[in-house]
């Protein structure tokens, strides 16, 4: 696990690996690539939302240029490569009454 500024980061190369990690530890935030290999990221996100980890905040990223994807996702969606606004969205997930991180 990489740690910077007091925050740890664990990466998973596939949804299977992510599920294994979730069985061992509980993250404070999931950043899900909807274009992940093995299992569609949207399917993975939906399984998270229906399981015991449903209360973990999630942010989705994708290279797919489909605005309807954002409507069908139960998470803020950002489009690669720019990811404009992702910092504000993550801040809003944790501090909804503030405009930026404390």
PDB file of N, CA and C in Angstrom:
ATOM      1  N   UNK A   1       0.849  -1.173   0.000  1.00  0.00           N
ATOM      2  CA  UNK A   1       0.000   0.000   0.000  1.00  0.00           C
ATOM      3  C   UNK A   1       0.892   1.232   0.000  1.00  0.00           C
ATOM      4  N   UNK A   2       0.614   2.152  -0.905  1.00  0.00           N
ATOM      5  CA  UNK A   2       1.326   3.427  -0.951  1.00  0.00           C
ATOM      6  C   UNK A   2       0.629   4.398  -0.007  1.00  0.00           C
ATOM      7  N   UNK A   3       1.399   5.229   0.688  1.00  0.00           N
ATOM      8  CA  UNK A   3       0.831   6.210   1.600  1.00  0.00           C
ATOM      9  C   UNK A   3       1.440   7.571   1.292  1.00  0.00           C
ATOM     10  N   UNK A   4       0.561   8.559   1.100  1.00  0.00           N
ATOM     11  CA  UNK A   4       1.010   9.931   0.869  1.00  0.00           C
ATOM     12  C   UNK A   4       0.054  10.878   1.584  1.00  0.00           C
ATOM     13  N   UNK A   5       0.597  11.886   2.248  1.00  0.00           N
ATOM     14  CA  UNK A   5      -0.213  12.876   2.961  1.00  0.00           C
ATOM     15  C   UNK A   5      -1.195  12.233   3.933  1.00  0.00           C
ATOM     16  N   UNK A   6      -0.828  11.097   4.510  1.00  0.00           N
ATOM     17  CA  UNK A   6      -1.676  10.431   5.484  1.00  0.00           C
ATOM     18  C   UNK A   6      -2.763   9.550   4.892  1.00  0.00           C
ATOM     19  N   UNK A   7      -2.818   9.458   3.574  1.00  0.00           N
ATOM     20  CA  UNK A   7      -3.831   8.637   2.909  1.00  0.00           C
ATOM     21  C   UNK A   7      -3.165   7.433   2.282  1.00  0.00           C
ATOM     22  N   UNK A   8      -3.756   6.270   2.467  1.00  0.00           N
ATOM     23  CA  UNK A   8      -3.243   5.053   1.845  1.00  0.00           C
ATOM     24  C   UNK A   8      -3.924   4.815   0.510  1.00  0.00           C
ATOM     25  N   UNK A   9      -3.231   4.134  -0.368  1.00  0.00           N
ATOM     26  CA  UNK A   9      -3.771   3.831  -1.684  1.00  0.00           C
ATOM     27  C   UNK A   9      -3.502   2.376  -2.009  1.00  0.00           C
ATOM     28  N   UNK A  10      -4.542   1.667  -2.378  1.00  0.00           N
ATOM     29  CA  UNK A  10      -4.401   0.279  -2.809  1.00  0.00           C
ATOM     30  C   UNK A  10      -5.043   0.177  -4.182  1.00  0.00           C
ATOM     31  N   UNK A  11      -4.323  -0.401  -5.119  1.00  0.00           N
ATOM     32  CA  UNK A  11      -4.816  -0.548  -6.491  1.00  0.00           C
ATOM     33  C   UNK A  11      -5.153  -2.008  -6.771  1.00  0.00           C
ATOM     34  N   UNK A  12      -6.179  -2.202  -7.571  1.00  0.00           N
ATOM     35  CA  UNK A  12      -6.563  -3.542  -8.021  1.00  0.00           C
ATOM     36  C   UNK A  12      -6.551  -3.530  -9.544  1.00  0.00           C
ATOM     37  N   UNK A  13      -5.995  -4.565 -10.137  1.00  0.00           N
ATOM     38  CA  UNK A  13      -5.893  -4.652 -11.592  1.00  0.00           C
ATOM     39  C   UNK A  13      -7.163  -5.200 -12.237  1.00  0.00           C
ATOM     40  N   UNK A  14      -8.074  -5.717 -11.429  1.00  0.00           N
ATOM     41  CA  UNK A  14      -9.318  -6.290 -11.962  1.00  0.00           C
ATOM     42  C   UNK A  14     -10.382  -6.262 -10.877  1.00  0.00           C
ATOM     43  N   UNK A  15     -11.616  -6.523 -11.276  1.00  0.00           N
ATOM     44  CA  UNK A  15     -12.691  -6.556 -10.288  1.00  0.00           C
ATOM     45  C   UNK A  15     -12.510  -7.712  -9.309  1.00  0.00           C
ATOM     46  N   UNK A  16     -11.976  -8.842  -9.795  1.00  0.00           N
ATOM     47  CA  UNK A  16     -11.710  -9.976  -8.906  1.00  0.00           C
ATOM     48  C   UNK A  16     -10.718  -9.624  -7.817  1.00  0.00           C
ATOM     49  N   UNK A  17      -9.673  -8.914  -8.208  1.00  0.00           N
ATOM     50  CA  UNK A  17      -8.678  -8.473  -7.225  1.00  0.00           C
ATOM     51  C   UNK A  17      -9.292  -7.456  -6.268  1.00  0.00           C
ATOM     52  N   UNK A  18     -10.152  -6.583  -6.776  1.00  0.00           N
ATOM     53  CA  UNK A  18     -10.810  -5.588  -5.918  1.00  0.00           C
ATOM     54  C   UNK A  18     -11.708  -6.277  -4.890  1.00  0.00           C
ATOM     55  N   UNK A  19     -12.434  -7.289  -5.317  1.00  0.00           N
ATOM     56  CA  UNK A  19     -13.301  -8.040  -4.401  1.00  0.00           C
ATOM     57  C   UNK A  19     -12.461  -8.700  -3.311  1.00  0.00           C
ATOM     58  N   UNK A  20     -11.305  -9.260  -3.683  1.00  0.00           N
ATOM     59  CA  UNK A  20     -10.418  -9.893  -2.694  1.00  0.00           C
ATOM     60  C   UNK A  20      -9.921  -8.869  -1.681  1.00  0.00           C
ATOM     61  N   UNK A  21      -9.557  -7.689  -2.152  1.00  0.00           N
ATOM     62  CA  UNK A  21      -9.088  -6.624  -1.245  1.00  0.00           C
ATOM     63  C   UNK A  21     -10.213  -6.188  -0.321  1.00  0.00           C
ATOM     64  N   UNK A  22     -11.422  -6.041  -0.863  1.00  0.00           N
ATOM     65  CA  UNK A  22     -12.563  -5.643  -0.035  1.00  0.00           C
ATOM     66  C   UNK A  22     -12.868  -6.678   1.042  1.00  0.00           C
ATOM     67  N   UNK A  23     -12.491  -7.919   0.809  1.00  0.00           N
ATOM     68  CA  UNK A  23     -12.668  -8.954   1.826  1.00  0.00           C
ATOM     69  C   UNK A  23     -11.688  -8.822   2.977  1.00  0.00           C
ATOM     70  N   UNK A  24     -10.604  -8.090   2.752  1.00  0.00           N
ATOM     71  CA  UNK A  24      -9.558  -7.943   3.764  1.00  0.00           C
ATOM     72  C   UNK A  24      -9.565  -6.596   4.463  1.00  0.00           C
ATOM     73  N   UNK A  25      -9.988  -5.568   3.768  1.00  0.00           N
ATOM     74  CA  UNK A  25      -9.963  -4.228   4.353  1.00  0.00           C
ATOM     75  C   UNK A  25     -11.107  -3.390   3.815  1.00  0.00           C
ATOM     76  N   UNK A  26     -11.428  -2.353   4.548  1.00  0.00           N
ATOM     77  CA  UNK A  26     -12.533  -1.461   4.183  1.00  0.00           C
ATOM     78  C   UNK A  26     -11.972  -0.092   3.823  1.00  0.00           C
ATOM     79  N   UNK A  27     -12.018   0.254   2.529  1.00  0.00           N
ATOM     80  CA  UNK A  27     -11.487   1.557   2.122  1.00  0.00           C
ATOM     81  C   UNK A  27     -12.452   2.690   2.464  1.00  0.00           C
ATOM     82  N   UNK A  28     -11.933   3.900   2.491  1.00  0.00           N
ATOM     83  CA  UNK A  28     -12.764   5.076   2.724  1.00  0.00           C
ATOM     84  C   UNK A  28     -13.388   5.599   1.446  1.00  0.00           C
ATOM     85  N   UNK A  29     -12.868   5.168   0.290  1.00  0.00           N
ATOM     86  CA  UNK A  29     -13.357   5.630  -1.007  1.00  0.00           C
ATOM     87  C   UNK A  29     -12.976   4.611  -2.070  1.00  0.00           C
ATOM     88  N   UNK A  30     -13.881   4.357  -3.004  1.00  0.00           N
ATOM     89  CA  UNK A  30     -13.576   3.507  -4.156  1.00  0.00           C
ATOM     90  C   UNK A  30     -13.562   4.380  -5.402  1.00  0.00           C
ATOM     91  N   UNK A  31     -12.477   4.348  -6.143  1.00  0.00           N
ATOM     92  CA  UNK A  31     -12.371   4.989  -7.449  1.00  0.00           C
ATOM     93  C   UNK A  31     -12.436   3.862  -8.461  1.00  0.00           C
ATOM     94  N   UNK A  32     -13.536   3.787  -9.204  1.00  0.00           N
ATOM     95  CA  UNK A  32     -13.797   2.650 -10.080  1.00  0.00           C
ATOM     96  C   UNK A  32     -13.686   3.063 -11.539  1.00  0.00           C
ATOM     97  N   UNK A  33     -12.829   2.367 -12.266  1.00  0.00           N
ATOM     98  CA  UNK A  33     -12.719   2.574 -13.703  1.00  0.00           C
ATOM     99  C   UNK A  33     -13.801   1.722 -14.364  1.00  0.00           C
ATOM    100  N   UNK A  34     -14.753   2.370 -14.997  1.00  0.00           N
ATOM    101  CA  UNK A  34     -15.860   1.626 -15.614  1.00  0.00           C
ATOM    102  C   UNK A  34     -15.396   0.797 -16.799  1.00  0.00           C
ATOM    103  N   UNK A  35     -14.170   1.042 -17.284  1.00  0.00           N
ATOM    104  CA  UNK A  35     -13.616   0.305 -18.409  1.00  0.00           C
ATOM    105  C   UNK A  35     -12.666  -0.805 -17.949  1.00  0.00           C
ATOM    106  N   UNK A  36     -12.815  -1.266 -16.719  1.00  0.00           N
ATOM    107  CA  UNK A  36     -11.893  -2.264 -16.168  1.00  0.00           C
ATOM    108  C   UNK A  36     -12.005  -3.615 -16.880  1.00  0.00           C
ATOM    109  N   UNK A  37     -10.909  -4.378 -16.857  1.00  0.00           N
ATOM    110  CA  UNK A  37     -10.944  -5.700 -17.486  1.00  0.00           C
ATOM    111  C   UNK A  37     -11.745  -6.703 -16.650  1.00  0.00           C
ATOM    112  N   UNK A  38     -11.993  -7.857 -17.224  1.00  0.00           N
ATOM    113  CA  UNK A  38     -12.590  -8.998 -16.537  1.00  0.00           C
ATOM    114  C   UNK A  38     -14.099  -8.890 -16.384  1.00  0.00           C
ATOM    115  N   UNK A  39     -14.569  -7.883 -15.765  1.00  0.00           N
ATOM    116  CA  UNK A  39     -16.002  -7.677 -15.523  1.00  0.00           C
ATOM    117  C   UNK A  39     -16.281  -6.197 -15.747  1.00  0.00           C
ATOM    118  N   UNK A  40     -17.326  -5.874 -16.410  1.00  0.00           N
ATOM    119  CA  UNK A  40     -17.622  -4.463 -16.684  1.00  0.00           C
ATOM    120  C   UNK A  40     -17.644  -3.669 -15.381  1.00  0.00           C
ATOM    121  N   UNK A  41     -17.048  -2.494 -15.413  1.00  0.00           N
ATOM    122  CA  UNK A  41     -16.988  -1.652 -14.220  1.00  0.00           C
ATOM    123  C   UNK A  41     -18.351  -1.266 -13.699  1.00  0.00           C
ATOM    124  N   UNK A  42     -19.305  -1.039 -14.606  1.00  0.00           N
ATOM    125  CA  UNK A  42     -20.658  -0.688 -14.171  1.00  0.00           C
ATOM    126  C   UNK A  42     -21.290  -1.851 -13.409  1.00  0.00           C
ATOM    127  N   UNK A  43     -21.059  -3.062 -13.860  1.00  0.00           N
ATOM    128  CA  UNK A  43     -21.553  -4.249 -13.163  1.00  0.00           C
ATOM    129  C   UNK A  43     -20.903  -4.361 -11.781  1.00  0.00           C
ATOM    130  N   UNK A  44     -19.598  -4.098 -11.729  1.00  0.00           N
ATOM    131  CA  UNK A  44     -18.882  -4.137 -10.452  1.00  0.00           C
ATOM    132  C   UNK A  44     -19.439  -3.086  -9.499  1.00  0.00           C
ATOM    133  N   UNK A  45     -19.643  -1.868 -10.000  1.00  0.00           N
ATOM    134  CA  UNK A  45     -20.185  -0.790  -9.173  1.00  0.00           C
ATOM    135  C   UNK A  45     -21.571  -1.166  -8.650  1.00  0.00           C
ATOM    136  N   UNK A  46     -22.401  -1.731  -9.498  1.00  0.00           N
ATOM    137  CA  UNK A  46     -23.745  -2.144  -9.061  1.00  0.00           C
ATOM    138  C   UNK A  46     -23.676  -3.236  -8.000  1.00  0.00           C
ATOM    139  N   UNK A  47     -22.710  -4.157  -8.132  1.00  0.00           N
ATOM    140  CA  UNK A  47     -22.580  -5.208  -7.112  1.00  0.00           C
ATOM    141  C   UNK A  47     -22.128  -4.621  -5.784  1.00  0.00           C
ATOM    142  N   UNK A  48     -21.285  -3.599  -5.839  1.00  0.00           N
ATOM    143  CA  UNK A  48     -20.861  -2.915  -4.606  1.00  0.00           C
ATOM    144  C   UNK A  48     -22.074  -2.265  -3.950  1.00  0.00           C
ATOM    145  N   UNK A  49     -22.902  -1.603  -4.751  1.00  0.00           N
ATOM    146  CA  UNK A  49     -24.076  -0.887  -4.239  1.00  0.00           C
ATOM    147  C   UNK A  49     -25.130  -1.824  -3.644  1.00  0.00           C
ATOM    148  N   UNK A  50     -25.092  -3.099  -3.975  1.00  0.00           N
ATOM    149  CA  UNK A  50     -26.080  -4.051  -3.467  1.00  0.00           C
ATOM    150  C   UNK A  50     -25.542  -4.927  -2.350  1.00  0.00           C
ATOM    151  N   UNK A  51     -24.252  -4.827  -2.060  1.00  0.00           N
ATOM    152  CA  UNK A  51     -23.637  -5.708  -1.078  1.00  0.00           C
ATOM    153  C   UNK A  51     -23.320  -5.021   0.232  1.00  0.00           C
ATOM    154  N   UNK A  52     -22.506  -5.662   1.044  1.00  0.00           N
ATOM    155  CA  UNK A  52     -22.186  -5.136   2.367  1.00  0.00           C
ATOM    156  C   UNK A  52     -21.327  -3.863   2.338  1.00  0.00           C
ATOM    157  N   UNK A  53     -20.799  -3.523   1.179  1.00  0.00           N
ATOM    158  CA  UNK A  53     -19.949  -2.330   1.065  1.00  0.00           C
ATOM    159  C   UNK A  53     -20.698  -1.156   0.450  1.00  0.00           C
ATOM    160  N   UNK A  54     -22.024  -1.217   0.438  1.00  0.00           N
ATOM    161  CA  UNK A  54     -22.830  -0.210  -0.249  1.00  0.00           C
ATOM    162  C   UNK A  54     -22.676   1.201   0.311  1.00  0.00           C
ATOM    163  N   UNK A  55     -22.202   1.347   1.541  1.00  0.00           N
ATOM    164  CA  UNK A  55     -22.072   2.679   2.122  1.00  0.00           C
ATOM    165  C   UNK A  55     -20.702   3.312   1.871  1.00  0.00           C
ATOM    166  N   UNK A  56     -19.815   2.617   1.171  1.00  0.00           N
ATOM    167  CA  UNK A  56     -18.510   3.194   0.838  1.00  0.00           C
ATOM    168  C   UNK A  56     -18.714   4.181  -0.309  1.00  0.00           C
ATOM    169  N   UNK A  57     -18.251   5.429  -0.154  1.00  0.00           N
ATOM    170  CA  UNK A  57     -18.380   6.395  -1.250  1.00  0.00           C
ATOM    171  C   UNK A  57     -17.631   5.897  -2.490  1.00  0.00           C
ATOM    172  N   UNK A  58     -18.231   6.087  -3.669  1.00  0.00           N
ATOM    173  CA  UNK A  58     -17.634   5.660  -4.937  1.00  0.00           C
ATOM    174  C   UNK A  58     -17.600   6.813  -5.924  1.00  0.00           C
ATOM    175  N   UNK A  59     -16.531   6.854  -6.697  1.00  0.00           N
ATOM    176  CA  UNK A  59     -16.403   7.768  -7.822  1.00  0.00           C
ATOM    177  C   UNK A  59     -16.028   6.908  -9.016  1.00  0.00           C
ATOM    178  N   UNK A  60     -16.705   7.118 -10.146  1.00  0.00           N
ATOM    179  CA  UNK A  60     -16.437   6.339 -11.344  1.00  0.00           C
ATOM    180  C   UNK A  60     -15.723   7.190 -12.383  1.00  0.00           C
ATOM    181  N   UNK A  61     -14.794   6.570 -13.118  1.00  0.00           N
ATOM    182  CA  UNK A  61     -14.143   7.231 -14.242  1.00  0.00           C
ATOM    183  C   UNK A  61     -14.302   6.351 -15.475  1.00  0.00           C
ATOM    184  N   UNK A  62     -14.309   6.968 -16.649  1.00  0.00           N
ATOM    185  CA  UNK A  62     -14.480   6.213 -17.881  1.00  0.00           C
ATOM    186  C   UNK A  62     -13.960   6.996 -19.072  1.00  0.00           C
ATOM    187  N   UNK A  63     -13.583   6.281 -20.102  1.00  0.00           N
ATOM    188  CA  UNK A  63     -13.217   6.899 -21.376  1.00  0.00           C
ATOM    189  C   UNK A  63     -14.404   6.858 -22.327  1.00  0.00           C
ATOM    190  N   UNK A  64     -15.457   6.166 -21.945  1.00  0.00           N
ATOM    191  CA  UNK A  64     -16.656   6.065 -22.763  1.00  0.00           C
ATOM    192  C   UNK A  64     -17.344   7.420 -22.803  1.00  0.00           C
ATOM    193  N   UNK A  65     -17.641   7.889 -23.983  1.00  0.00           N
ATOM    194  CA  UNK A  65     -18.264   9.202 -24.126  1.00  0.00           C
ATOM    195  C   UNK A  65     -19.778   9.043 -24.249  1.00  0.00           C
ATOM    196  N   UNK A  66     -20.390   8.557 -23.188  1.00  0.00           N
ATOM    197  CA  UNK A  66     -21.825   8.306 -23.191  1.00  0.00           C
ATOM    198  C   UNK A  66     -22.461   9.004 -21.996  1.00  0.00           C
ATOM    199  N   UNK A  67     -23.157  10.128 -22.208  1.00  0.00           N
ATOM    200  CA  UNK A  67     -23.758  10.849 -21.088  1.00  0.00           C
ATOM    201  C   UNK A  67     -24.788  10.022 -20.317  1.00  0.00           C
ATOM    202  N   UNK A  68     -25.416   9.032 -20.969  1.00  0.00           N
ATOM    203  CA  UNK A  68     -26.388   8.192 -20.271  1.00  0.00           C
ATOM    204  C   UNK A  68     -25.728   7.303 -19.225  1.00  0.00           C
ATOM    205  N   UNK A  69     -24.434   7.071 -19.382  1.00  0.00           N
ATOM    206  CA  UNK A  69     -23.703   6.282 -18.400  1.00  0.00           C
ATOM    207  C   UNK A  69     -23.750   6.969 -17.039  1.00  0.00           C
ATOM    208  N   UNK A  70     -23.597   8.283 -17.039  1.00  0.00           N
ATOM    209  CA  UNK A  70     -23.640   9.035 -15.783  1.00  0.00           C
ATOM    210  C   UNK A  70     -25.009   8.915 -15.119  1.00  0.00           C
ATOM    211  N   UNK A  71     -26.068   8.820 -15.920  1.00  0.00           N
ATOM    212  CA  UNK A  71     -27.420   8.687 -15.386  1.00  0.00           C
ATOM    213  C   UNK A  71     -27.626   7.299 -14.761  1.00  0.00           C
ATOM    214  N   UNK A  72     -27.039   6.265 -15.360  1.00  0.00           N
ATOM    215  CA  UNK A  72     -27.255   4.896 -14.890  1.00  0.00           C
ATOM    216  C   UNK A  72     -26.332   4.496 -13.745  1.00  0.00           C
ATOM    217  N   UNK A  73     -25.384   5.344 -13.408  1.00  0.00           N
ATOM    218  CA  UNK A  73     -24.406   5.057 -12.350  1.00  0.00           C
ATOM    219  C   UNK A  73     -24.874   5.645 -11.031  1.00  0.00           C
ATOM    220  N   UNK A  74     -24.700   4.933  -9.955  1.00  0.00           N
ATOM    221  CA  UNK A  74     -25.017   5.467  -8.631  1.00  0.00           C
ATOM    222  C   UNK A  74     -23.732   6.031  -8.018  1.00  0.00           C
ATOM    223  N   UNK A  75     -23.073   6.911  -8.776  1.00  0.00           N
ATOM    224  CA  UNK A  75     -21.819   7.529  -8.336  1.00  0.00           C
ATOM    225  C   UNK A  75     -21.522   8.688  -9.270  1.00  0.00           C
ATOM    226  N   UNK A  76     -20.781   9.690  -8.791  1.00  0.00           N
ATOM    227  CA  UNK A  76     -20.329  10.722  -9.725  1.00  0.00           C
ATOM    228  C   UNK A  76     -19.448  10.074 -10.796  1.00  0.00           C
ATOM    229  N   UNK A  77     -19.609  10.479 -12.051  1.00  0.00           N
ATOM    230  CA  UNK A  77     -18.835   9.917 -13.159  1.00  0.00           C
ATOM    231  C   UNK A  77     -18.000  11.018 -13.797  1.00  0.00           C
ATOM    232  N   UNK A  78     -16.737  10.714 -14.036  1.00  0.00           N
ATOM    233  CA  UNK A  78     -15.829  11.643 -14.686  1.00  0.00           C
ATOM    234  C   UNK A  78     -15.231  10.975 -15.901  1.00  0.00           C
ATOM    235  N   UNK A  79     -15.052  11.753 -16.943  1.00  0.00           N
ATOM    236  CA  UNK A  79     -14.588  11.217 -18.211  1.00  0.00           C
ATOM    237  C   UNK A  79     -13.107  11.464 -18.389  1.00  0.00           C
ATOM    238  N   UNK A  80     -12.361  10.384 -18.696  1.00  0.00           N
ATOM    239  CA  UNK A  80     -10.935  10.485 -18.947  1.00  0.00           C
ATOM    240  C   UNK A  80     -10.740  11.219 -20.262  1.00  0.00           C
ATOM    241  N   UNK A  81      -9.662  11.885 -20.503  1.00  0.00           N
ATOM    242  CA  UNK A  81      -8.479  11.957 -19.661  1.00  0.00           C
ATOM    243  C   UNK A  81      -8.461  13.127 -18.699  1.00  0.00           C
ATOM    244  N   UNK A  82      -9.390  14.094 -18.795  1.00  0.00           N
ATOM    245  CA  UNK A  82      -9.226  15.323 -18.014  1.00  0.00           C
ATOM    246  C   UNK A  82      -9.575  15.174 -16.537  1.00  0.00           C
ATOM    247  N   UNK A  83     -10.632  14.464 -16.220  1.00  0.00           N
ATOM    248  CA  UNK A  83     -11.102  14.284 -14.843  1.00  0.00           C
ATOM    249  C   UNK A  83     -11.382  15.619 -14.154  1.00  0.00           C
ATOM    250  N   UNK A  84     -11.742  16.648 -14.944  1.00  0.00           N
ATOM    251  CA  UNK A  84     -12.065  17.955 -14.374  1.00  0.00           C
ATOM    252  C   UNK A  84     -13.161  17.818 -13.327  1.00  0.00           C
ATOM    253  N   UNK A  85     -12.949  18.396 -12.183  1.00  0.00           N
ATOM    254  CA  UNK A  85     -13.951  18.409 -11.129  1.00  0.00           C
ATOM    255  C   UNK A  85     -13.911  17.246 -10.170  1.00  0.00           C
ATOM    256  N   UNK A  86     -13.014  16.301 -10.358  1.00  0.00           N
ATOM    257  CA  UNK A  86     -13.006  15.116  -9.489  1.00  0.00           C
ATOM    258  C   UNK A  86     -12.662  15.475  -8.043  1.00  0.00           C
ATOM    259  N   UNK A  87     -11.764  16.430  -7.840  1.00  0.00           N
ATOM    260  CA  UNK A  87     -11.403  16.819  -6.466  1.00  0.00           C
ATOM    261  C   UNK A  87     -12.614  17.394  -5.742  1.00  0.00           C
ATOM    262  N   UNK A  88     -13.389  18.226  -6.409  1.00  0.00           N
ATOM    263  CA  UNK A  88     -14.582  18.802  -5.799  1.00  0.00           C
ATOM    264  C   UNK A  88     -15.620  17.720  -5.481  1.00  0.00           C
ATOM    265  N   UNK A  89     -15.767  16.742  -6.372  1.00  0.00           N
ATOM    266  CA  UNK A  89     -16.736  15.667  -6.137  1.00  0.00           C
ATOM    267  C   UNK A  89     -16.346  14.820  -4.940  1.00  0.00           C
ATOM    268  N   UNK A  90     -15.074  14.480  -4.832  1.00  0.00           N
ATOM    269  CA  UNK A  90     -14.614  13.688  -3.686  1.00  0.00           C
ATOM    270  C   UNK A  90     -14.790  14.488  -2.404  1.00  0.00           C
ATOM    271  N   UNK A  91     -14.458  15.773  -2.432  1.00  0.00           N
ATOM    272  CA  UNK A  91     -14.658  16.628  -1.258  1.00  0.00           C
ATOM    273  C   UNK A  91     -16.133  16.654  -0.860  1.00  0.00           C
ATOM    274  N   UNK A  92     -17.014  16.735  -1.849  1.00  0.00           N
ATOM    275  CA  UNK A  92     -18.446  16.773  -1.560  1.00  0.00           C
ATOM    276  C   UNK A  92     -18.931  15.463  -0.929  1.00  0.00           C
ATOM    277  N   UNK A  93     -18.339  14.333  -1.328  1.00  0.00           N
ATOM    278  CA  UNK A  93     -18.722  13.055  -0.733  1.00  0.00           C
ATOM    279  C   UNK A  93     -18.416  13.008   0.760  1.00  0.00           C
ATOM    280  N   UNK A  94     -17.297  13.619   1.146  1.00  0.00           N
ATOM    281  CA  UNK A  94     -16.864  13.564   2.543  1.00  0.00           C
ATOM    282  C   UNK A  94     -17.294  14.775   3.357  1.00  0.00           C
ATOM    283  N   UNK A  95     -17.382  15.926   2.733  1.00  0.00           N
ATOM    284  CA  UNK A  95     -17.735  17.167   3.421  1.00  0.00           C
ATOM    285  C   UNK A  95     -18.815  17.887   2.621  1.00  0.00           C
ATOM    286  N   UNK A  96     -20.052  17.371   2.602  1.00  0.00           N
ATOM    287  CA  UNK A  96     -21.101  17.931   1.745  1.00  0.00           C
ATOM    288  C   UNK A  96     -21.459  19.371   2.065  1.00  0.00           C
ATOM    289  N   UNK A  97     -21.193  19.848   3.264  1.00  0.00           N
ATOM    290  CA  UNK A  97     -21.540  21.217   3.638  1.00  0.00           C
ATOM    291  C   UNK A  97     -20.437  22.213   3.329  1.00  0.00           C
ATOM    292  N   UNK A  98     -19.327  21.741   2.748  1.00  0.00           N
ATOM    293  CA  UNK A  98     -18.188  22.614   2.440  1.00  0.00           C
ATOM    294  C   UNK A  98     -17.900  22.543   0.948  1.00  0.00           C
ATOM    295  N   UNK A  99     -17.270  23.556   0.440  1.00  0.00           N
ATOM    296  CA  UNK A  99     -16.930  23.551  -0.975  1.00  0.00           C
ATOM    297  C   UNK A  99     -15.566  22.959  -1.247  1.00  0.00           C
ATOM    298  N   UNK A 100     -14.722  22.811  -0.219  1.00  0.00           N
ATOM    299  CA  UNK A 100     -13.412  22.218  -0.401  1.00  0.00           C
ATOM    300  C   UNK A 100     -13.014  21.455   0.842  1.00  0.00           C
ATOM    301  N   UNK A 101     -11.951  20.683   0.723  1.00  0.00           N
ATOM    302  CA  UNK A 101     -11.437  19.883   1.834  1.00  0.00           C
ATOM    303  C   UNK A 101     -10.945  20.783   2.948  1.00  0.00           C
ATOM    304  N   UNK A 102     -11.192  20.430   4.224  1.00  0.00           N
ATOM    305  CA  UNK A 102     -10.731  21.255   5.348  1.00  0.00           C
ATOM    306  C   UNK A 102      -9.228  21.313   5.441  1.00  0.00           C
TER     307      UNK A 102
END
